[in-house]
PDB file of N, CA and C in Angstrom:
ATOM      1  N   MET A   1     -68.798  -8.382 -17.674  1.00  0.00           N
ATOM      2  CA  MET A   1     -69.101  -8.752 -16.333  1.00  0.00           C
ATOM      3  C   MET A   1     -70.078  -9.939 -16.313  1.00  0.00           C
ATOM      4  N   GLY A   2     -69.864 -10.927 -15.612  1.00  0.00           N
ATOM      5  CA  GLY A   2     -70.722 -12.139 -15.585  1.00  0.00           C
ATOM      6  C   GLY A   2     -71.820 -11.915 -14.584  1.00  0.00           C
ATOM      7  N   LYS A   3     -72.629 -12.972 -14.496  1.00  0.00           N
ATOM      8  CA  LYS A   3     -73.776 -12.936 -13.532  1.00  0.00           C
ATOM      9  C   LYS A   3     -73.305 -12.802 -12.100  1.00  0.00           C
ATOM     10  N   ARG A   4     -72.207 -13.559 -11.813  1.00  0.00           N
ATOM     11  CA  ARG A   4     -71.653 -13.416 -10.445  1.00  0.00           C
ATOM     12  C   ARG A   4     -71.153 -12.083 -10.089  1.00  0.00           C
ATOM     13  N   GLY A   5     -70.486 -11.464 -11.043  1.00  0.00           N
ATOM     14  CA  GLY A   5     -69.991 -10.067 -10.808  1.00  0.00           C
ATOM     15  C   GLY A   5     -71.166  -9.062 -10.638  1.00  0.00           C
ATOM     16  N   GLN A   6     -72.299  -9.193 -11.343  1.00  0.00           N
ATOM     17  CA  GLN A   6     -73.456  -8.397 -11.121  1.00  0.00           C
ATOM     18  C   GLN A   6     -74.093  -8.460  -9.764  1.00  0.00           C
ATOM     19  N   GLU A   7     -74.047  -9.885  -9.283  1.00  0.00           N
ATOM     20  CA  GLU A   7     -74.632 -10.062  -7.950  1.00  0.00           C
ATOM     21  C   GLU A   7     -73.739  -9.491  -6.896  1.00  0.00           C
ATOM     22  N   GLU A   8     -72.400  -9.536  -6.996  1.00  0.00           N
ATOM     23  CA  GLU A   8     -71.525  -8.882  -6.139  1.00  0.00           C
ATOM     24  C   GLU A   8     -71.707  -7.418  -6.068  1.00  0.00           C
ATOM     25  N   LEU A   9     -71.837  -6.843  -7.232  1.00  0.00           N
ATOM     26  CA  LEU A   9     -71.916  -5.369  -7.346  1.00  0.00           C
ATOM     27  C   LEU A   9     -73.286  -4.959  -6.688  1.00  0.00           C
ATOM     28  N   LEU A  10     -74.353  -5.714  -6.904  1.00  0.00           N
ATOM     29  CA  LEU A  10     -75.633  -5.402  -6.266  1.00  0.00           C
ATOM     30  C   LEU A  10     -75.498  -5.487  -4.777  1.00  0.00           C
ATOM     31  N   ARG A  11     -74.893  -6.540  -4.290  1.00  0.00           N
ATOM     32  CA  ARG A  11     -74.706  -6.621  -2.797  1.00  0.00           C
ATOM     33  C   ARG A  11     -73.934  -5.419  -2.245  1.00  0.00           C
ATOM     34  N   PHE A  12     -72.922  -5.098  -2.936  1.00  0.00           N
ATOM     35  CA  PHE A  12     -72.061  -3.940  -2.508  1.00  0.00           C
ATOM     36  C   PHE A  12     -72.845  -2.673  -2.498  1.00  0.00           C
ATOM     37  N   VAL A  13     -73.669  -2.391  -3.482  1.00  0.00           N
ATOM     38  CA  VAL A  13     -74.452  -1.171  -3.593  1.00  0.00           C
ATOM     39  C   VAL A  13     -75.443  -1.134  -2.403  1.00  0.00           C
ATOM     40  N   ILE A  14     -76.153  -2.312  -2.183  1.00  0.00           N
ATOM     41  CA  ILE A  14     -77.133  -2.397  -1.128  1.00  0.00           C
ATOM     42  C   ILE A  14     -76.403  -2.167   0.271  1.00  0.00           C
ATOM     43  N   TYR A  15     -75.228  -2.754   0.485  1.00  0.00           N
ATOM     44  CA  TYR A  15     -74.448  -2.616   1.697  1.00  0.00           C
ATOM     45  C   TYR A  15     -74.114  -1.116   1.900  1.00  0.00           C
ATOM     46  N   ILE A  16     -73.639  -0.455   0.875  1.00  0.00           N
ATOM     47  CA  ILE A  16     -73.259   1.006   1.024  1.00  0.00           C
ATOM     48  C   ILE A  16     -74.496   1.823   1.293  1.00  0.00           C
ATOM     49  N   PHE A  17     -75.637   1.581   0.578  1.00  0.00           N
ATOM     50  CA  PHE A  17     -76.885   2.188   0.812  1.00  0.00           C
ATOM     51  C   PHE A  17     -77.314   2.129   2.248  1.00  0.00           C
ATOM     52  N   ALA A  18     -77.316   0.908   2.693  1.00  0.00           N
ATOM     53  CA  ALA A  18     -77.737   0.655   4.157  1.00  0.00           C
ATOM     54  C   ALA A  18     -76.772   1.355   5.102  1.00  0.00           C
ATOM     55  N   ALA A  19     -75.556   1.372   4.887  1.00  0.00           N
ATOM     56  CA  ALA A  19     -74.497   1.947   5.735  1.00  0.00           C
ATOM     57  C   ALA A  19     -74.806   3.502   5.785  1.00  0.00           C
ATOM     58  N   ILE A  20     -75.101   4.042   4.678  1.00  0.00           N
ATOM     59  CA  ILE A  20     -75.419   5.544   4.553  1.00  0.00           C
ATOM     60  C   ILE A  20     -76.629   5.893   5.271  1.00  0.00           C
ATOM     61  N   ILE A  21     -77.710   5.077   5.217  1.00  0.00           N
ATOM     62  CA  ILE A  21     -78.962   5.335   5.921  1.00  0.00           C
ATOM     63  C   ILE A  21     -78.681   5.241   7.443  1.00  0.00           C
ATOM     64  N   ILE A  22     -77.901   4.233   7.888  1.00  0.00           N
ATOM     65  CA  ILE A  22     -77.643   4.153   9.358  1.00  0.00           C
ATOM     66  C   ILE A  22     -76.805   5.283   9.830  1.00  0.00           C
ATOM     67  N   LEU A  23     -75.854   5.696   9.026  1.00  0.00           N
ATOM     68  CA  LEU A  23     -75.023   6.838   9.408  1.00  0.00           C
ATOM     69  C   LEU A  23     -75.909   8.129   9.556  1.00  0.00           C
ATOM     70  N   ILE A  24     -76.738   8.337   8.583  1.00  0.00           N
ATOM     71  CA  ILE A  24     -77.662   9.540   8.624  1.00  0.00           C
ATOM     72  C   ILE A  24     -78.447   9.559   9.914  1.00  0.00           C
ATOM     73  N   VAL A  25     -79.081   8.419  10.211  1.00  0.00           N
ATOM     74  CA  VAL A  25     -79.878   8.266  11.439  1.00  0.00           C
ATOM     75  C   VAL A  25     -79.065   8.521  12.686  1.00  0.00           C
ATOM     76  N   LEU A  26     -77.938   7.941  12.735  1.00  0.00           N
ATOM     77  CA  LEU A  26     -77.007   8.189  13.815  1.00  0.00           C
ATOM     78  C   LEU A  26     -76.598   9.628  14.084  1.00  0.00           C
ATOM     79  N   ILE A  27     -76.286  10.303  12.976  1.00  0.00           N
ATOM     80  CA  ILE A  27     -75.842  11.627  13.024  1.00  0.00           C
ATOM     81  C   ILE A  27     -77.078  12.527  13.495  1.00  0.00           C
ATOM     82  N   ASN A  28     -78.284  12.264  12.960  1.00  0.00           N
ATOM     83  CA  ASN A  28     -79.477  13.021  13.357  1.00  0.00           C
ATOM     84  C   ASN A  28     -79.689  12.868  14.835  1.00  0.00           C
ATOM     85  N   PHE A  29     -79.565  11.742  15.418  1.00  0.00           N
ATOM     86  CA  PHE A  29     -79.827  11.421  16.833  1.00  0.00           C
ATOM     87  C   PHE A  29     -78.751  12.115  17.690  1.00  0.00           C
ATOM     88  N   VAL A  30     -77.510  12.092  17.290  1.00  0.00           N
ATOM     89  CA  VAL A  30     -76.460  12.600  18.055  1.00  0.00           C
ATOM     90  C   VAL A  30     -76.603  14.140  18.017  1.00  0.00           C
ATOM     91  N   SER A  31     -76.916  14.753  16.915  1.00  0.00           N
ATOM     92  CA  SER A  31     -77.094  16.151  16.821  1.00  0.00           C
ATOM     93  C   SER A  31     -78.298  16.616  17.688  1.00  0.00           C
ATOM     94  N   GLY A  32     -79.338  15.834  17.741  1.00  0.00           N
ATOM     95  CA  GLY A  32     -80.496  16.076  18.604  1.00  0.00           C
ATOM     96  C   GLY A  32     -80.092  16.091  20.070  1.00  0.00           C
ATOM     97  N   VAL A  33     -79.331  15.143  20.437  1.00  0.00           N
ATOM     98  CA  VAL A  33     -78.828  15.044  21.876  1.00  0.00           C
ATOM     99  C   VAL A  33     -77.873  16.142  22.178  1.00  0.00           C
ATOM    100  N   ALA A  34     -77.001  16.385  21.268  1.00  0.00           N
ATOM    101  CA  ALA A  34     -75.996  17.438  21.553  1.00  0.00           C
ATOM    102  C   ALA A  34     -76.548  18.828  21.601  1.00  0.00           C
ATOM    103  N   GLY A  35     -77.511  18.998  20.711  1.00  0.00           N
ATOM    104  CA  GLY A  35     -78.201  20.367  20.676  1.00  0.00           C
ATOM    105  C   GLY A  35     -79.179  20.584  21.805  1.00  0.00           C
ATOM    106  N   GLY A  36     -79.553  19.547  22.498  1.00  0.00           N
ATOM    107  CA  GLY A  36     -80.464  19.695  23.674  1.00  0.00           C
ATOM    108  C   GLY A  36     -81.924  19.576  23.243  1.00  0.00           C
ATOM    109  N   ARG A  37     -82.228  19.337  22.017  1.00  0.00           N
ATOM    110  CA  ARG A  37     -83.698  19.277  21.646  1.00  0.00           C
ATOM    111  C   ARG A  37     -84.360  18.199  22.408  1.00  0.00           C
ATOM    112  N   LEU A  38     -83.743  17.033  22.477  1.00  0.00           N
ATOM    113  CA  LEU A  38     -84.463  15.952  23.168  1.00  0.00           C
ATOM    114  C   LEU A  38     -84.635  16.240  24.666  1.00  0.00           C
ATOM    115  N   VAL A  39     -83.593  16.714  25.227  1.00  0.00           N
ATOM    116  CA  VAL A  39     -83.727  17.133  26.656  1.00  0.00           C
ATOM    117  C   VAL A  39     -84.725  18.227  26.985  1.00  0.00           C
ATOM    118  N   LYS A  40     -84.761  19.233  26.112  1.00  0.00           N
ATOM    119  CA  LYS A  40     -85.678  20.274  26.242  1.00  0.00           C
ATOM    120  C   LYS A  40     -87.152  19.805  26.076  1.00  0.00           C
ATOM    121  N   SER A  41     -87.392  18.921  25.096  1.00  0.00           N
ATOM    122  CA  SER A  41     -88.767  18.378  24.945  1.00  0.00           C
ATOM    123  C   SER A  41     -89.118  17.557  26.150  1.00  0.00           C
ATOM    124  N   GLN A  42     -88.206  16.732  26.714  1.00  0.00           N
ATOM    125  CA  GLN A  42     -88.480  16.015  27.927  1.00  0.00           C
ATOM    126  C   GLN A  42     -88.822  16.858  29.079  1.00  0.00           C
ATOM    127  N   ILE A  43     -88.079  17.929  29.295  1.00  0.00           N
ATOM    128  CA  ILE A  43     -88.313  18.838  30.364  1.00  0.00           C
ATOM    129  C   ILE A  43     -89.697  19.563  30.236  1.00  0.00           C
ATOM    130  N   LEU A  44     -89.936  20.040  29.056  1.00  0.00           N
ATOM    131  CA  LEU A  44     -91.242  20.668  28.863  1.00  0.00           C
ATOM    132  C   LEU A  44     -92.484  19.747  29.042  1.00  0.00           C
ATOM    133  N   ALA A  45     -92.412  18.530  28.536  1.00  0.00           N
ATOM    134  CA  ALA A  45     -93.492  17.615  28.787  1.00  0.00           C
ATOM    135  C   ALA A  45     -93.684  17.222  30.223  1.00  0.00           C
ATOM    136  N   LYS A  46     -92.543  16.971  30.918  1.00  0.00           N
ATOM    137  CA  LYS A  46     -92.665  16.649  32.307  1.00  0.00           C
ATOM    138  C   LYS A  46     -93.089  17.718  33.122  1.00  0.00           C
ATOM    139  N   GLU A  47     -92.694  18.968  32.798  1.00  0.00           N
ATOM    140  CA  GLU A  47     -93.061  20.149  33.601  1.00  0.00           C
ATOM    141  C   GLU A  47     -94.595  20.320  33.477  1.00  0.00           C
ATOM    142  N   ILE A  48     -95.153  20.253  32.334  1.00  0.00           N
ATOM    143  CA  ILE A  48     -96.538  20.415  32.142  1.00  0.00           C
ATOM    144  C   ILE A  48     -97.309  19.322  32.839  1.00  0.00           C
ATOM    145  N   ALA A  49     -96.855  18.053  32.650  1.00  0.00           N
ATOM    146  CA  ALA A  49     -97.573  16.973  33.234  1.00  0.00           C
ATOM    147  C   ALA A  49     -97.572  17.036  34.770  1.00  0.00           C
ATOM    148  N   LEU A  50     -96.435  17.431  35.336  1.00  0.00           N
ATOM    149  CA  LEU A  50     -96.351  17.530  36.882  1.00  0.00           C
ATOM    150  C   LEU A  50     -97.208  18.669  37.366  1.00  0.00           C
ATOM    151  N   PHE A  51     -97.291  19.816  36.640  1.00  0.00           N
ATOM    152  CA  PHE A  51     -98.169  20.866  36.945  1.00  0.00           C
ATOM    153  C   PHE A  51     -99.602  20.399  37.002  1.00  0.00           C
ATOM    154  N   ILE A  52    -100.068  19.603  35.943  1.00  0.00           N
ATOM    155  CA  ILE A  52    -101.368  19.116  35.890  1.00  0.00           C
ATOM    156  C   ILE A  52    -101.680  18.216  37.079  1.00  0.00           C
ATOM    157  N   ASP A  53    -100.754  17.361  37.443  1.00  0.00           N
ATOM    158  CA  ASP A  53    -100.903  16.412  38.537  1.00  0.00           C
ATOM    159  C   ASP A  53    -100.994  17.067  39.942  1.00  0.00           C
ATOM    160  N   SER A  54    -100.274  18.172  40.104  1.00  0.00           N
ATOM    161  CA  SER A  54    -100.155  18.823  41.379  1.00  0.00           C
ATOM    162  C   SER A  54    -101.116  20.036  41.610  1.00  0.00           C
ATOM    163  N   ALA A  55    -101.858  20.404  40.509  1.00  0.00           N
ATOM    164  CA  ALA A  55    -102.652  21.580  40.628  1.00  0.00           C
ATOM    165  C   ALA A  55    -104.044  21.207  41.245  1.00  0.00           C
ATOM    166  N   GLU A  56    -104.476  22.229  42.037  1.00  0.00           N
ATOM    167  CA  GLU A  56    -105.791  22.116  42.629  1.00  0.00           C
ATOM    168  C   GLU A  56    -106.843  22.620  41.604  1.00  0.00           C
ATOM    169  N   PRO A  57    -108.190  22.226  41.861  1.00  0.00           N
ATOM    170  CA  PRO A  57    -109.154  22.798  40.862  1.00  0.00           C
ATOM    171  C   PRO A  57    -109.315  24.299  41.014  1.00  0.00           C
ATOM    172  N   GLY A  58    -109.433  24.956  39.819  1.00  0.00           N
ATOM    173  CA  GLY A  58    -109.561  26.351  39.759  1.00  0.00           C
ATOM    174  C   GLY A  58    -108.148  26.994  39.406  1.00  0.00           C
ATOM    175  N   THR A  59    -107.149  26.212  39.298  1.00  0.00           N
ATOM    176  CA  THR A  59    -105.768  26.703  38.998  1.00  0.00           C
ATOM    177  C   THR A  59    -105.607  26.877  37.559  1.00  0.00           C
ATOM    178  N   SER A  60    -105.017  27.973  37.116  1.00  0.00           N
ATOM    179  CA  SER A  60    -104.673  28.233  35.676  1.00  0.00           C
ATOM    180  C   SER A  60    -103.220  28.477  35.583  1.00  0.00           C
ATOM    181  N   MET A  61    -102.589  28.111  34.466  1.00  0.00           N
ATOM    182  CA  MET A  61    -101.227  28.308  34.232  1.00  0.00           C
ATOM    183  C   MET A  61    -100.960  28.504  32.786  1.00  0.00           C
ATOM    184  N   ILE A  62    -100.088  29.472  32.399  1.00  0.00           N
ATOM    185  CA  ILE A  62     -99.747  29.672  30.973  1.00  0.00           C
ATOM    186  C   ILE A  62     -98.318  29.315  30.733  1.00  0.00           C
ATOM    187  N   PHE A  63     -98.009  28.448  29.863  1.00  0.00           N
ATOM    188  CA  PHE A  63     -96.647  27.965  29.562  1.00  0.00           C
ATOM    189  C   PHE A  63     -96.289  28.737  28.240  1.00  0.00           C
ATOM    190  N   ASN A  64     -95.247  29.553  28.262  1.00  0.00           N
ATOM    191  CA  ASN A  64     -94.855  30.187  27.005  1.00  0.00           C
ATOM    192  C   ASN A  64     -93.570  29.500  26.495  1.00  0.00           C
ATOM    193  N   TYR A  65     -93.564  29.339  25.145  1.00  0.00           N
ATOM    194  CA  TYR A  65     -92.441  28.646  24.665  1.00  0.00           C
ATOM    195  C   TYR A  65     -92.324  29.009  23.155  1.00  0.00           C
ATOM    196  N   GLU A  66     -91.194  28.923  22.606  1.00  0.00           N
ATOM    197  CA  GLU A  66     -90.897  29.176  21.202  1.00  0.00           C
ATOM    198  C   GLU A  66     -90.386  27.884  20.601  1.00  0.00           C
ATOM    199  N   LYS A  67     -90.712  27.706  19.291  1.00  0.00           N
ATOM    200  CA  LYS A  67     -90.176  26.524  18.553  1.00  0.00           C
ATOM    201  C   LYS A  67     -90.566  25.200  19.122  1.00  0.00           C
ATOM    202  N   ALA A  68     -91.704  25.149  19.739  1.00  0.00           N
ATOM    203  CA  ALA A  68     -92.252  23.873  20.368  1.00  0.00           C
ATOM    204  C   ALA A  68     -93.671  23.754  20.137  1.00  0.00           C
ATOM    205  N   ASP A  69     -94.102  22.481  19.959  1.00  0.00           N
ATOM    206  CA  ASP A  69     -95.518  22.212  19.863  1.00  0.00           C
ATOM    207  C   ASP A  69     -95.897  21.316  21.093  1.00  0.00           C
ATOM    208  N   VAL A  70     -97.001  21.689  21.787  1.00  0.00           N
ATOM    209  CA  VAL A  70     -97.440  20.912  22.824  1.00  0.00           C
ATOM    210  C   VAL A  70     -98.872  20.377  22.474  1.00  0.00           C
ATOM    211  N   ILE A  71     -98.998  19.080  22.760  1.00  0.00           N
ATOM    212  CA  ILE A  71    -100.260  18.456  22.523  1.00  0.00           C
ATOM    213  C   ILE A  71    -100.714  17.808  23.844  1.00  0.00           C
ATOM    214  N   ILE A  72    -101.903  18.163  24.387  1.00  0.00           N
ATOM    215  CA  ILE A  72    -102.350  17.570  25.616  1.00  0.00           C
ATOM    216  C   ILE A  72    -103.531  16.601  25.185  1.00  0.00           C
ATOM    217  N   ASN A  73    -103.371  15.365  25.320  1.00  0.00           N
ATOM    218  CA  ASN A  73    -104.353  14.391  25.017  1.00  0.00           C
ATOM    219  C   ASN A  73    -105.115  14.044  26.312  1.00  0.00           C
ATOM    220  N   LYS A  74    -106.335  14.561  26.474  1.00  0.00           N
ATOM    221  CA  LYS A  74    -107.061  14.314  27.658  1.00  0.00           C
ATOM    222  C   LYS A  74    -107.645  12.898  27.853  1.00  0.00           C
ATOM    223  N   ASP A  75    -107.916  12.311  26.792  1.00  0.00           N
ATOM    224  CA  ASP A  75    -108.428  10.921  26.751  1.00  0.00           C
ATOM    225  C   ASP A  75    -107.323   9.883  27.163  1.00  0.00           C
ATOM    226  N   ALA A  76    -106.203  10.018  26.529  1.00  0.00           N
ATOM    227  CA  ALA A  76    -105.067   9.095  26.852  1.00  0.00           C
ATOM    228  C   ALA A  76    -104.319   9.583  28.050  1.00  0.00           C
ATOM    229  N   ARG A  77    -104.551  10.818  28.553  1.00  0.00           N
ATOM    230  CA  ARG A  77    -103.877  11.422  29.757  1.00  0.00           C
ATOM    231  C   ARG A  77    -102.385  11.488  29.545  1.00  0.00           C
ATOM    232  N   VAL A  78    -101.978  12.066  28.416  1.00  0.00           N
ATOM    233  CA  VAL A  78    -100.562  12.298  28.130  1.00  0.00           C
ATOM    234  C   VAL A  78    -100.341  13.720  27.581  1.00  0.00           C
ATOM    235  N   VAL A  79     -99.111  14.193  27.810  1.00  0.00           N
ATOM    236  CA  VAL A  79     -98.653  15.486  27.370  1.00  0.00           C
ATOM    237  C   VAL A  79     -97.494  15.133  26.327  1.00  0.00           C
ATOM    238  N   THR A  80     -97.558  15.623  25.123  1.00  0.00           N
ATOM    239  CA  THR A  80     -96.521  15.419  24.111  1.00  0.00           C
ATOM    240  C   THR A  80     -95.940  16.826  23.844  1.00  0.00           C
ATOM    241  N   ALA A  81     -94.631  16.964  23.938  1.00  0.00           N
ATOM    242  CA  ALA A  81     -93.855  18.142  23.636  1.00  0.00           C
ATOM    243  C   ALA A  81     -92.938  17.814  22.464  1.00  0.00           C
ATOM    244  N   LYS A  82     -93.036  18.595  21.425  1.00  0.00           N
ATOM    245  CA  LYS A  82     -92.218  18.386  20.268  1.00  0.00           C
ATOM    246  C   LYS A  82     -91.366  19.621  19.944  1.00  0.00           C
ATOM    247  N   ILE A  83     -90.082  19.571  19.923  1.00  0.00           N
ATOM    248  CA  ILE A  83     -89.113  20.650  19.600  1.00  0.00           C
ATOM    249  C   ILE A  83     -88.388  20.092  18.403  1.00  0.00           C
ATOM    250  N   GLU A  84     -88.569  20.779  17.252  1.00  0.00           N
ATOM    251  CA  GLU A  84     -88.072  20.428  15.946  1.00  0.00           C
ATOM    252  C   GLU A  84     -88.437  18.977  15.624  1.00  0.00           C
ATOM    253  N   ASN A  85     -87.438  18.011  15.582  1.00  0.00           N
ATOM    254  CA  ASN A  85     -87.793  16.693  15.207  1.00  0.00           C
ATOM    255  C   ASN A  85     -87.802  15.772  16.482  1.00  0.00           C
ATOM    256  N   SER A  86     -87.626  16.297  17.658  1.00  0.00           N
ATOM    257  CA  SER A  86     -87.572  15.534  18.816  1.00  0.00           C
ATOM    258  C   SER A  86     -88.887  15.652  19.624  1.00  0.00           C
ATOM    259  N   ALA A  87     -89.564  14.553  19.800  1.00  0.00           N
ATOM    260  CA  ALA A  87     -90.902  14.585  20.567  1.00  0.00           C
ATOM    261  C   ALA A  87     -90.721  13.686  21.758  1.00  0.00           C
ATOM    262  N   TYR A  88     -91.424  14.080  22.866  1.00  0.00           N
ATOM    263  CA  TYR A  88     -91.365  13.329  24.064  1.00  0.00           C
ATOM    264  C   TYR A  88     -92.810  13.328  24.690  1.00  0.00           C
ATOM    265  N   THR A  89     -93.250  12.220  25.097  1.00  0.00           N
ATOM    266  CA  THR A  89     -94.578  11.974  25.658  1.00  0.00           C
ATOM    267  C   THR A  89     -94.494  11.584  27.170  1.00  0.00           C
ATOM    268  N   TYR A  90     -95.269  12.279  27.979  1.00  0.00           N
ATOM    269  CA  TYR A  90     -95.179  11.992  29.436  1.00  0.00           C
ATOM    270  C   TYR A  90     -96.602  11.881  29.948  1.00  0.00           C
ATOM    271  N   PRO A  91     -96.991  10.934  30.809  1.00  0.00           N
ATOM    272  CA  PRO A  91     -98.328  10.736  31.202  1.00  0.00           C
ATOM    273  C   PRO A  91     -98.607  11.651  32.455  1.00  0.00           C
ATOM    274  N   PHE A  92     -99.901  11.932  32.632  1.00  0.00           N
ATOM    275  CA  PHE A  92    -100.308  12.551  33.876  1.00  0.00           C
ATOM    276  C   PHE A  92    -101.521  11.724  34.369  1.00  0.00           C
ATOM    277  N   PHE A  93    -101.742  11.926  35.774  1.00  0.00           N
ATOM    278  CA  PHE A  93    -102.602  11.003  36.416  1.00  0.00           C
ATOM    279  C   PHE A  93    -103.817  11.645  37.154  1.00  0.00           C
ATOM    280  N   THR A  94    -103.956  12.904  36.962  1.00  0.00           N
ATOM    281  CA  THR A  94    -105.052  13.681  37.722  1.00  0.00           C
ATOM    282  C   THR A  94    -106.476  13.229  37.348  1.00  0.00           C
ATOM    283  N   SER A  95    -107.342  13.270  38.241  1.00  0.00           N
ATOM    284  CA  SER A  95    -108.749  12.927  37.984  1.00  0.00           C
ATOM    285  C   SER A  95    -109.588  14.152  37.766  1.00  0.00           C
ATOM    286  N   HIS A  96    -109.013  15.350  37.835  1.00  0.00           N
ATOM    287  CA  HIS A  96    -109.725  16.577  37.600  1.00  0.00           C
ATOM    288  C   HIS A  96    -109.821  16.779  36.058  1.00  0.00           C
ATOM    289  N   ASP A  97    -110.888  17.613  35.761  1.00  0.00           N
ATOM    290  CA  ASP A  97    -111.162  17.980  34.320  1.00  0.00           C
ATOM    291  C   ASP A  97    -110.131  19.014  33.899  1.00  0.00           C
ATOM    292  N   ILE A  98    -109.656  18.922  32.631  1.00  0.00           N
ATOM    293  CA  ILE A  98    -108.613  19.823  32.224  1.00  0.00           C
ATOM    294  C   ILE A  98    -109.135  20.503  30.926  1.00  0.00           C
ATOM    295  N   ASP A  99    -108.946  21.831  30.949  1.00  0.00           N
ATOM    296  CA  ASP A  99    -109.188  22.622  29.724  1.00  0.00           C
ATOM    297  C   ASP A  99    -107.854  23.212  29.274  1.00  0.00           C
ATOM    298  N   SER A 100    -107.648  23.221  27.975  1.00  0.00           N
ATOM    299  CA  SER A 100    -106.368  23.754  27.472  1.00  0.00           C
ATOM    300  C   SER A 100    -106.731  24.594  26.245  1.00  0.00           C
ATOM    301  N   GLU A 101    -106.020  25.753  26.173  1.00  0.00           N
ATOM    302  CA  GLU A 101    -106.095  26.573  25.022  1.00  0.00           C
ATOM    303  C   GLU A 101    -104.723  26.704  24.485  1.00  0.00           C
ATOM    304  N   ILE A 102    -104.502  26.148  23.316  1.00  0.00           N
ATOM    305  CA  ILE A 102    -103.127  26.094  22.736  1.00  0.00           C
ATOM    306  C   ILE A 102    -103.125  27.019  21.549  1.00  0.00           C
ATOM    307  N   ASN A 103    -102.098  27.980  21.555  1.00  0.00           N
ATOM    308  CA  ASN A 103    -101.810  28.805  20.352  1.00  0.00           C
ATOM    309  C   ASN A 103    -100.444  28.634  19.952  1.00  0.00           C
ATOM    310  N   SER A 104     -99.957  29.491  19.025  1.00  0.00           N
ATOM    311  CA  SER A 104     -98.676  29.263  18.452  1.00  0.00           C
ATOM    312  C   SER A 104     -97.461  29.456  19.410  1.00  0.00           C
ATOM    313  N   THR A 105     -97.560  30.176  20.500  1.00  0.00           N
ATOM    314  CA  THR A 105     -96.416  30.344  21.329  1.00  0.00           C
ATOM    315  C   THR A 105     -96.620  30.061  22.736  1.00  0.00           C
ATOM    316  N   SER A 106     -97.911  29.647  23.086  1.00  0.00           N
ATOM    317  CA  SER A 106     -98.185  29.358  24.521  1.00  0.00           C
ATOM    318  C   SER A 106     -99.285  28.366  24.652  1.00  0.00           C
ATOM    319  N   THR A 107     -99.418  27.873  25.862  1.00  0.00           N
ATOM    320  CA  THR A 107    -100.510  26.970  26.265  1.00  0.00           C
ATOM    321  C   THR A 107    -101.078  27.406  27.577  1.00  0.00           C
ATOM    322  N   LYS A 108    -102.470  27.609  27.546  1.00  0.00           N
ATOM    323  CA  LYS A 108    -103.049  27.994  28.854  1.00  0.00           C
ATOM    324  C   LYS A 108    -103.813  26.698  29.341  1.00  0.00           C
ATOM    325  N   ILE A 109    -103.485  26.249  30.563  1.00  0.00           N
ATOM    326  CA  ILE A 109    -104.119  25.069  31.083  1.00  0.00           C
ATOM    327  C   ILE A 109    -104.917  25.547  32.443  1.00  0.00           C
ATOM    328  N   THR A 110    -106.159  25.048  32.338  1.00  0.00           N
ATOM    329  CA  THR A 110    -106.979  25.308  33.574  1.00  0.00           C
ATOM    330  C   THR A 110    -107.494  23.960  34.104  1.00  0.00           C
ATOM    331  N   ILE A 111    -107.351  23.858  35.375  1.00  0.00           N
ATOM    332  CA  ILE A 111    -107.805  22.621  36.110  1.00  0.00           C
ATOM    333  C   ILE A 111    -109.136  22.960  36.701  1.00  0.00           C
ATOM    334  N   ASN A 112    -110.178  22.153  36.371  1.00  0.00           N
ATOM    335  CA  ASN A 112    -111.523  22.349  36.943  1.00  0.00           C
ATOM    336  C   ASN A 112    -111.829  21.284  37.942  1.00  0.00           C
TER     337      ASN A 112
END
C-alpha cells in the first residue's frame, strides 16, 4: 500500500469513528426524550422554582423524589434537577431568603 492508500485509509477510519460518535450521541438523546427523563427533570425544576416564586415568607414544602438530584443555587437563583443523565436548570426570581435541606430522597424548602 502506498502513501496515498494509507492517507485514504486514515480518512476512512476517522470518518467511521466520527459517524459512530455522532450516532451514539443521537441515540442517547433520543432515548432520554423517549424515556421521559428530560421532561421529568424539566417538570421537577420548574415545579420547585415556581413554588419558590409564589410562596409567602414562613412557607415550607417538602418535595419527595426518587432517582433525582436537586441543586438549589441561592446565589445564581436557579434550580437544577438532574434525573439520570438529563439535567435541567430553571431560574427563580423571589427576593425572600431561602433555606433548603437536601437529602437523598427529598428536599425541604423554607421561605423566610
